[in-house]
Amino acid sequence: MKILVTGGTGYIGSHTTVELQQQGHEVIIVDNLSNSYQEVVDHIATISGIKPEFENFDLADAHKTSDFFQRNQNIDAIIHFAAYKAVGESVNKPLQYYRNNLVSLMNVLDGMKQHAIPNLVFSSSCTVYGEPDSLPVSESAPIKTATSPYGNTKQISEDIIRDTAKAYGIHATLLRYFNPVGAHESALIGELPIGVPNNLIPYITQTACGIRKQLNVFGNDYNTPDGTAIRDYLHVTDLAKAHIAAVERMTNNKQHQNVEAFNVGTGKGYSVLEVIKAFEESTGQKLNYRITPRRSGDIEKVWSDTTLANNELGWKAEKSINEMMLSAWKWQLALNSKN
């Protein structure tokens, strides 16, 4: 199939592009490189043996997006990653997040409507559940008031997709990710935030190799066994495979309804201190960390019920927390060797 991957030079997008190409699909990437690098396209080509087509523009630009769809007919599916994604930053820059995340999605949906593109996989988030009433959280859990503008853009995006799918007969799969970490086994692609990392794992690896002096653990007074926040971490290549499963489910007409949502996680939660311990155990590196006040917008604890994804998508996360940590460290070492 011919698949458009928006945000395809980003962290999850690049891993998904590799998996798609290895399954024999043709990929076109659109990315504005606001949080990624064009060299990623070459690294994808090195891994898969195929260089994906790449266009550098901003999907929030309606004219450029429309022009792209005019030039690229016969797209079978779109996997939409392109969005700003930092919870803390969204609290400080809400308008930037609403404008970028929602306008780009609407422009993509416009293209789907105009050119009869039938299938969309949307990069959603467990943040749509807010602070859940019970754990593990399943897809039937209520969608609560978001704790950050970022989380709210994901909730609103899901609503926009549902309404658009209903009106125009589009099929969509909403993948609600938990916390993707780790890197490709080749150490050629991985999480490479521009500037100071907002996510835990790149901050851990950058601290371990001396780029950052100290790792901040935001809060140790949460209602959890060790006081630190709990998340469900999954390996990025496991996550990438969920997108392939979602595309194939739609193109094989196996959906039960036009829009379906699936949790994508491991079903197990790890606290920040447990993640630090797993990193130290799997790499032999000691981390310099300190406890600091809680961070605005953060949820106390969340992990997934993955029964639906396991049974309906036929997908299951396979890699352990130690494998996740080790692959992230190998990626960091590969980055260091280039500098």
Protein backbone atom coordinates (compact mmCIF):
# COMPACT_ATOMS: atom_id res chain seq x y z
CA MET A 1 0.00 0.00 0.00
CA LYS A 2 0.94 3.64 -0.39
CA ILE A 3 0.96 5.22 3.06
CA LEU A 4 1.47 8.85 4.09
CA VAL A 5 3.30 9.15 7.42
CA THR A 6 3.04 12.67 8.82
CA GLY A 7 5.79 13.51 11.30
CA GLY A 8 7.69 10.59 9.81
CA THR A 9 11.17 11.85 10.71
CA GLY A 10 10.13 12.06 14.36
CA TYR A 11 10.70 9.45 17.01
CA ILE A 12 7.69 7.17 16.56
CA GLY A 13 7.17 8.11 12.92
CA SER A 14 10.66 6.99 11.87
CA HIS A 15 10.33 3.60 13.60
CA THR A 16 6.90 3.10 12.05
CA THR A 17 8.24 4.01 8.59
CA VAL A 18 10.92 1.33 8.96
CA GLU A 19 8.32 -1.29 9.95
CA LEU A 20 6.02 -0.29 7.07
CA GLN A 21 8.82 -0.54 4.53
CA GLN A 22 9.94 -3.88 5.90
CA GLN A 23 6.36 -5.11 5.36
CA GLY A 24 6.55 -4.00 1.71
CA HIS A 25 4.54 -0.76 1.89
CA GLU A 26 5.46 2.42 0.00
CA VAL A 27 5.89 5.38 2.37
CA ILE A 28 5.73 9.13 1.83
CA ILE A 29 6.88 11.25 4.78
CA VAL A 30 5.76 14.82 5.43
CA ASP A 31 7.53 16.62 8.28
CA ASN A 32 8.36 20.26 9.02
CA LEU A 33 11.48 19.20 10.99
CA SER A 34 10.43 21.30 14.01
CA ASN A 35 11.57 18.52 16.36
CA SER A 36 13.56 16.18 14.11
CA TYR A 37 16.31 16.07 11.49
CA GLN A 38 16.27 15.34 7.76
CA GLU A 39 19.21 12.87 8.13
CA VAL A 40 16.69 10.49 9.70
CA VAL A 41 15.44 9.76 6.16
CA ASP A 42 18.91 8.42 5.27
CA HIS A 43 19.03 6.34 8.46
CA ILE A 44 15.63 4.82 7.63
CA ALA A 45 17.03 3.95 4.18
CA THR A 46 20.11 2.31 5.74
CA ILE A 47 17.94 0.08 7.96
CA SER A 48 15.25 -0.88 5.44
CA GLY A 49 17.19 -0.63 2.18
CA ILE A 50 14.58 1.78 0.80
CA LYS A 51 14.67 5.58 0.96
CA PRO A 52 11.17 6.88 1.66
CA GLU A 53 9.90 9.86 -0.30
CA PHE A 54 10.20 12.97 1.87
CA GLU A 55 8.60 16.43 1.75
CA ASN A 56 9.48 19.22 4.16
CA PHE A 57 6.55 21.51 4.90
CA ASP A 58 4.12 22.40 7.69
CA LEU A 59 0.75 20.63 7.58
CA ALA A 60 -0.76 23.60 9.43
CA ASP A 61 -0.30 25.47 6.11
CA ALA A 62 -3.58 24.72 4.31
CA HIS A 63 -2.34 25.77 0.87
CA LYS A 64 0.80 23.59 0.98
CA THR A 65 -1.16 20.64 2.37
CA SER A 66 -3.81 20.92 -0.34
CA ASP A 67 -1.07 21.14 -3.00
CA PHE A 68 0.58 18.01 -1.59
CA PHE A 69 -2.64 15.99 -1.86
CA GLN A 70 -3.20 17.26 -5.43
CA ARG A 71 0.25 15.92 -6.38
CA ASN A 72 0.00 12.64 -4.48
CA GLN A 73 -3.00 10.61 -5.57
CA ASN A 74 -3.84 7.02 -4.67
CA ILE A 75 -2.80 7.15 -1.01
CA ASP A 76 -4.32 4.11 0.73
CA ALA A 77 -3.88 5.23 4.35
CA ILE A 78 -2.50 8.04 6.48
CA ILE A 79 -0.72 7.60 9.81
CA HIS A 80 -0.86 11.01 11.48
CA PHE A 81 1.92 11.64 14.02
CA ALA A 82 2.66 15.31 13.30
CA ALA A 83 1.99 17.27 16.50
CA TYR A 84 3.68 19.06 19.36
CA LYS A 85 3.87 16.65 22.29
CA ALA A 86 5.38 18.11 25.49
CA VAL A 87 2.91 18.28 28.39
CA GLY A 88 4.83 20.94 30.35
CA GLU A 89 5.45 23.14 27.33
CA SER A 90 1.77 22.98 26.38
CA VAL A 91 0.85 24.48 29.77
CA ASN A 92 3.12 27.45 29.01
CA LYS A 93 2.26 27.75 25.30
CA PRO A 94 -1.37 26.64 24.92
CA LEU A 95 -2.19 28.60 21.76
CA GLN A 96 0.84 27.17 19.98
CA TYR A 97 -0.38 23.66 20.79
CA TYR A 98 -4.02 24.22 19.82
CA ARG A 99 -3.08 25.93 16.57
CA ASN A 100 -0.48 23.39 15.49
CA ASN A 101 -2.10 20.14 16.60
CA LEU A 102 -5.69 20.88 15.55
CA VAL A 103 -5.17 22.87 12.34
CA SER A 104 -2.71 20.32 10.91
CA LEU A 105 -5.18 17.50 11.64
CA MET A 106 -8.07 19.38 9.99
CA ASN A 107 -5.96 20.08 6.91
CA VAL A 108 -5.09 16.36 6.64
CA LEU A 109 -8.77 15.40 7.03
CA ASP A 110 -9.65 17.93 4.32
CA GLY A 111 -7.20 16.16 2.02
CA MET A 112 -8.76 12.79 2.88
CA LYS A 113 -12.23 14.11 2.08
CA GLN A 114 -11.19 15.79 -1.20
CA HIS A 115 -9.26 12.79 -2.52
CA ALA A 116 -11.30 9.91 -1.06
CA ILE A 117 -8.47 8.58 1.11
CA PRO A 118 -10.26 5.93 3.20
CA ASN A 119 -8.10 5.11 6.23
CA LEU A 120 -6.52 7.10 9.08
CA VAL A 121 -4.46 5.94 12.05
CA PHE A 122 -4.26 8.73 14.62
CA SER A 123 -1.50 9.11 17.15
CA SER A 124 -3.55 9.68 20.30
CA SER A 125 -2.49 9.40 23.93
CA CYS A 126 -3.38 7.95 27.30
CA THR A 127 -3.59 11.59 28.43
CA VAL A 128 -7.18 11.56 27.08
CA TYR A 129 -8.15 9.62 30.23
CA GLY A 130 -6.81 12.32 32.56
CA GLU A 131 -6.37 10.97 36.10
CA PRO A 132 -8.30 7.67 35.81
CA ASP A 133 -10.76 6.48 38.48
CA SER A 134 -9.52 2.89 38.33
CA LEU A 135 -6.48 1.05 37.02
CA PRO A 136 -5.62 -0.46 34.66
CA VAL A 137 -7.46 2.00 32.41
CA SER A 138 -9.53 0.50 29.58
CA GLU A 139 -10.98 2.10 26.44
CA SER A 140 -14.39 2.26 28.14
CA ALA A 141 -13.03 4.57 30.87
CA PRO A 142 -14.57 8.04 30.86
CA ILE A 143 -12.71 10.76 28.99
CA LYS A 144 -12.09 13.26 31.76
CA THR A 145 -11.12 16.90 31.74
CA ALA A 146 -7.58 17.01 30.38
CA THR A 147 -4.81 18.01 32.79
CA SER A 148 -2.86 19.88 30.07
CA PRO A 149 -3.49 21.68 26.76
CA TYR A 150 -1.52 18.87 25.06
CA GLY A 151 -3.93 16.26 26.46
CA ASN A 152 -6.85 18.45 25.46
CA THR A 153 -5.62 18.63 21.85
CA LYS A 154 -5.69 14.82 21.76
CA GLN A 155 -9.25 14.73 23.15
CA ILE A 156 -10.46 17.39 20.71
CA SER A 157 -8.65 15.65 17.83
CA GLU A 158 -10.47 12.40 18.61
CA ASP A 159 -13.80 14.29 18.52
CA ILE A 160 -12.90 15.98 15.22
CA ILE A 161 -11.98 12.60 13.71
CA ARG A 162 -15.21 10.95 14.91
CA ASP A 163 -17.39 13.71 13.47
CA THR A 164 -15.47 13.81 10.19
CA ALA A 165 -15.48 10.02 9.79
CA LYS A 166 -19.23 9.95 10.35
CA ALA A 167 -19.87 12.72 7.81
CA TYR A 168 -17.59 11.45 5.03
CA GLY A 169 -17.36 7.69 5.56
CA ILE A 170 -13.70 7.71 6.60
CA HIS A 171 -12.33 4.80 8.63
CA ALA A 172 -10.12 5.75 11.57
CA THR A 173 -8.19 4.02 14.33
CA LEU A 174 -7.24 6.00 17.42
CA LEU A 175 -4.16 4.53 19.07
CA ARG A 176 -3.89 5.76 22.65
CA TYR A 177 -0.21 5.39 23.44
CA PHE A 178 1.14 5.06 26.89
CA ASN A 179 4.88 5.95 27.15
CA PRO A 180 7.05 4.98 24.18
CA VAL A 181 10.76 4.56 24.98
CA GLY A 182 13.86 2.83 23.64
CA ALA A 183 15.35 2.83 20.15
CA HIS A 184 15.79 0.66 17.07
CA GLU A 185 18.20 -2.24 17.56
CA SER A 186 20.48 -0.78 14.85
CA ALA A 187 20.98 2.36 17.03
CA LEU A 188 20.47 4.36 13.81
CA ILE A 189 17.17 5.91 14.88
CA GLY A 190 15.81 6.76 18.31
CA GLU A 191 14.41 9.58 20.42
CA LEU A 192 16.35 12.75 19.65
CA PRO A 193 14.67 15.79 21.19
CA ILE A 194 15.90 19.20 20.11
CA GLY A 195 17.06 21.12 23.19
CA VAL A 196 16.37 19.97 26.75
CA PRO A 197 14.37 16.71 26.77
CA ASN A 198 10.83 16.78 28.15
CA ASN A 199 10.62 12.99 28.39
CA LEU A 200 12.19 10.89 31.13
CA ILE A 201 14.30 8.39 29.15
CA PRO A 202 16.34 10.80 26.98
CA TYR A 203 16.93 12.87 30.11
CA ILE A 204 18.19 9.71 31.85
CA THR A 205 20.55 8.77 29.00
CA GLN A 206 21.83 12.35 28.63
CA THR A 207 22.50 12.49 32.38
CA ALA A 208 24.27 9.12 32.32
CA CYS A 209 26.67 10.30 29.60
CA GLY A 210 27.29 13.71 31.16
CA ILE A 211 25.33 15.99 28.81
CA ARG A 212 23.04 16.87 31.74
CA LYS A 213 24.48 17.33 35.22
CA GLN A 214 21.54 15.87 37.05
CA LEU A 215 18.22 14.14 36.48
CA ASN A 216 15.25 15.81 38.10
CA VAL A 217 12.61 13.47 39.53
CA PHE A 218 9.46 15.58 39.62
CA GLY A 219 7.78 14.82 42.93
CA ASN A 220 8.13 12.00 45.47
CA ASP A 221 4.91 12.72 47.36
CA TYR A 222 2.46 10.98 45.00
CA ASN A 223 0.15 8.26 46.28
CA THR A 224 2.33 5.46 44.87
CA PRO A 225 4.52 2.82 46.58
CA ASP A 226 7.70 4.92 46.36
CA GLY A 227 6.06 8.35 45.98
CA THR A 228 7.10 8.88 42.36
CA ALA A 229 4.75 8.97 39.36
CA ILE A 230 3.90 5.69 37.60
CA ARG A 231 3.67 5.20 33.83
CA ASP A 232 3.25 2.34 31.39
CA TYR A 233 6.42 2.27 29.24
CA LEU A 234 6.56 0.37 25.95
CA HIS A 235 9.30 -0.14 23.40
CA VAL A 236 8.95 2.09 20.34
CA THR A 237 9.33 -0.81 17.88
CA ASP A 238 6.45 -2.61 19.62
CA LEU A 239 4.42 0.59 19.25
CA ALA A 240 5.37 0.92 15.57
CA LYS A 241 4.00 -2.57 14.91
CA ALA A 242 0.63 -1.55 16.38
CA HIS A 243 0.27 0.97 13.54
CA ILE A 244 0.81 -1.74 10.93
CA ALA A 245 -1.84 -3.87 12.65
CA ALA A 246 -4.26 -0.90 12.66
CA VAL A 247 -3.76 -0.16 8.94
CA GLU A 248 -4.23 -3.83 8.03
CA ARG A 249 -7.37 -4.11 10.17
CA MET A 250 -8.97 -1.22 8.26
CA THR A 251 -7.85 -2.26 4.78
CA ASN A 252 -9.08 -5.82 5.41
CA ASN A 253 -12.47 -4.43 6.53
CA LYS A 254 -12.23 -5.99 9.98
CA GLN A 255 -13.40 -2.90 11.89
CA HIS A 256 -16.61 -3.20 13.90
CA GLN A 257 -17.28 0.53 13.51
CA ASN A 258 -15.94 3.47 11.51
CA VAL A 259 -13.81 4.77 14.37
CA GLU A 260 -12.15 2.46 16.89
CA ALA A 261 -9.85 3.27 19.81
CA PHE A 262 -7.16 1.00 21.25
CA ASN A 263 -4.82 1.33 24.21
CA VAL A 264 -1.22 0.66 23.23
CA GLY A 265 0.91 -0.21 26.26
CA THR A 266 2.32 -3.18 28.16
CA GLY A 267 -0.33 -3.30 30.86
CA LYS A 268 2.27 -2.74 33.59
CA GLY A 269 3.21 0.45 35.41
CA TYR A 270 6.70 1.48 36.53
CA SER A 271 7.52 4.36 38.85
CA VAL A 272 10.22 6.88 37.98
CA LEU A 273 12.52 5.34 40.60
CA GLU A 274 11.86 1.84 39.21
CA VAL A 275 12.79 3.07 35.73
CA ILE A 276 16.01 4.57 37.10
CA LYS A 277 16.80 1.25 38.79
CA ALA A 278 16.09 -0.71 35.56
CA PHE A 279 18.39 1.64 33.64
CA GLU A 280 21.20 1.25 36.18
CA GLU A 281 20.80 -2.55 36.23
CA SER A 282 20.70 -3.04 32.46
CA THR A 283 23.53 -0.62 31.59
CA GLY A 284 25.79 -0.64 34.66
CA GLN A 285 25.61 3.19 34.73
CA LYS A 286 24.90 5.00 38.00
CA LEU A 287 22.59 8.02 37.70
CA ASN A 288 22.94 11.34 39.48
CA TYR A 289 19.36 12.35 40.31
CA ARG A 290 17.55 14.55 42.79
CA ILE A 291 13.94 14.92 43.87
CA THR A 292 12.33 18.22 42.82
CA PRO A 293 8.77 19.63 43.12
CA ARG A 294 5.98 18.16 41.01
CA ARG A 295 5.63 19.36 37.42
CA SER A 296 2.48 21.14 36.24
CA GLY A 297 0.11 18.96 34.21
CA ASP A 298 1.55 15.60 35.26
CA ILE A 299 -0.74 12.69 36.15
CA GLU A 300 -0.02 10.62 39.28
CA LYS A 301 -0.30 7.09 37.89
CA VAL A 302 -1.61 5.43 34.79
CA TRP A 303 -1.17 2.08 33.07
CA SER A 304 -3.15 0.30 30.41
CA ASP A 305 -5.61 -2.50 30.03
CA THR A 306 -4.46 -3.86 26.64
CA THR A 307 -7.04 -6.64 26.30
CA LEU A 308 -8.79 -4.99 23.35
CA ALA A 309 -5.59 -4.38 21.38
CA ASN A 310 -4.38 -7.91 22.13
CA ASN A 311 -7.65 -9.54 21.03
CA GLU A 312 -8.90 -7.28 18.23
CA LEU A 313 -5.70 -5.88 16.71
CA GLY A 314 -3.80 -9.09 17.33
CA TRP A 315 -1.01 -6.94 18.78
CA LYS A 316 0.96 -7.34 22.00
CA ALA A 317 3.98 -5.52 23.41
CA GLU A 318 6.93 -7.91 23.69
CA LYS A 319 10.00 -6.10 25.01
CA SER A 320 10.85 -5.79 28.72
CA ILE A 321 11.70 -2.62 30.65
CA ASN A 322 15.38 -3.68 30.73
CA GLU A 323 15.42 -4.17 26.96
CA MET A 324 13.87 -0.71 26.60
CA MET A 325 16.54 0.88 28.79
CA LEU A 326 19.44 -0.92 27.13
CA SER A 327 18.31 0.06 23.62
CA ALA A 328 17.93 3.70 24.72
CA TRP A 329 21.47 3.64 26.16
CA LYS A 330 22.95 2.09 22.98
CA TRP A 331 21.24 4.83 20.98
CA GLN A 332 22.73 7.50 23.26
CA LEU A 333 26.21 5.96 22.89
CA ALA A 334 25.78 5.95 19.10
CA LEU A 335 24.86 9.66 19.22
CA ASN A 336 27.90 10.40 21.39
CA SER A 337 30.24 8.64 18.97
CA LYS A 338 29.11 11.01 16.19
CA ASN A 339 29.86 14.15 18.20
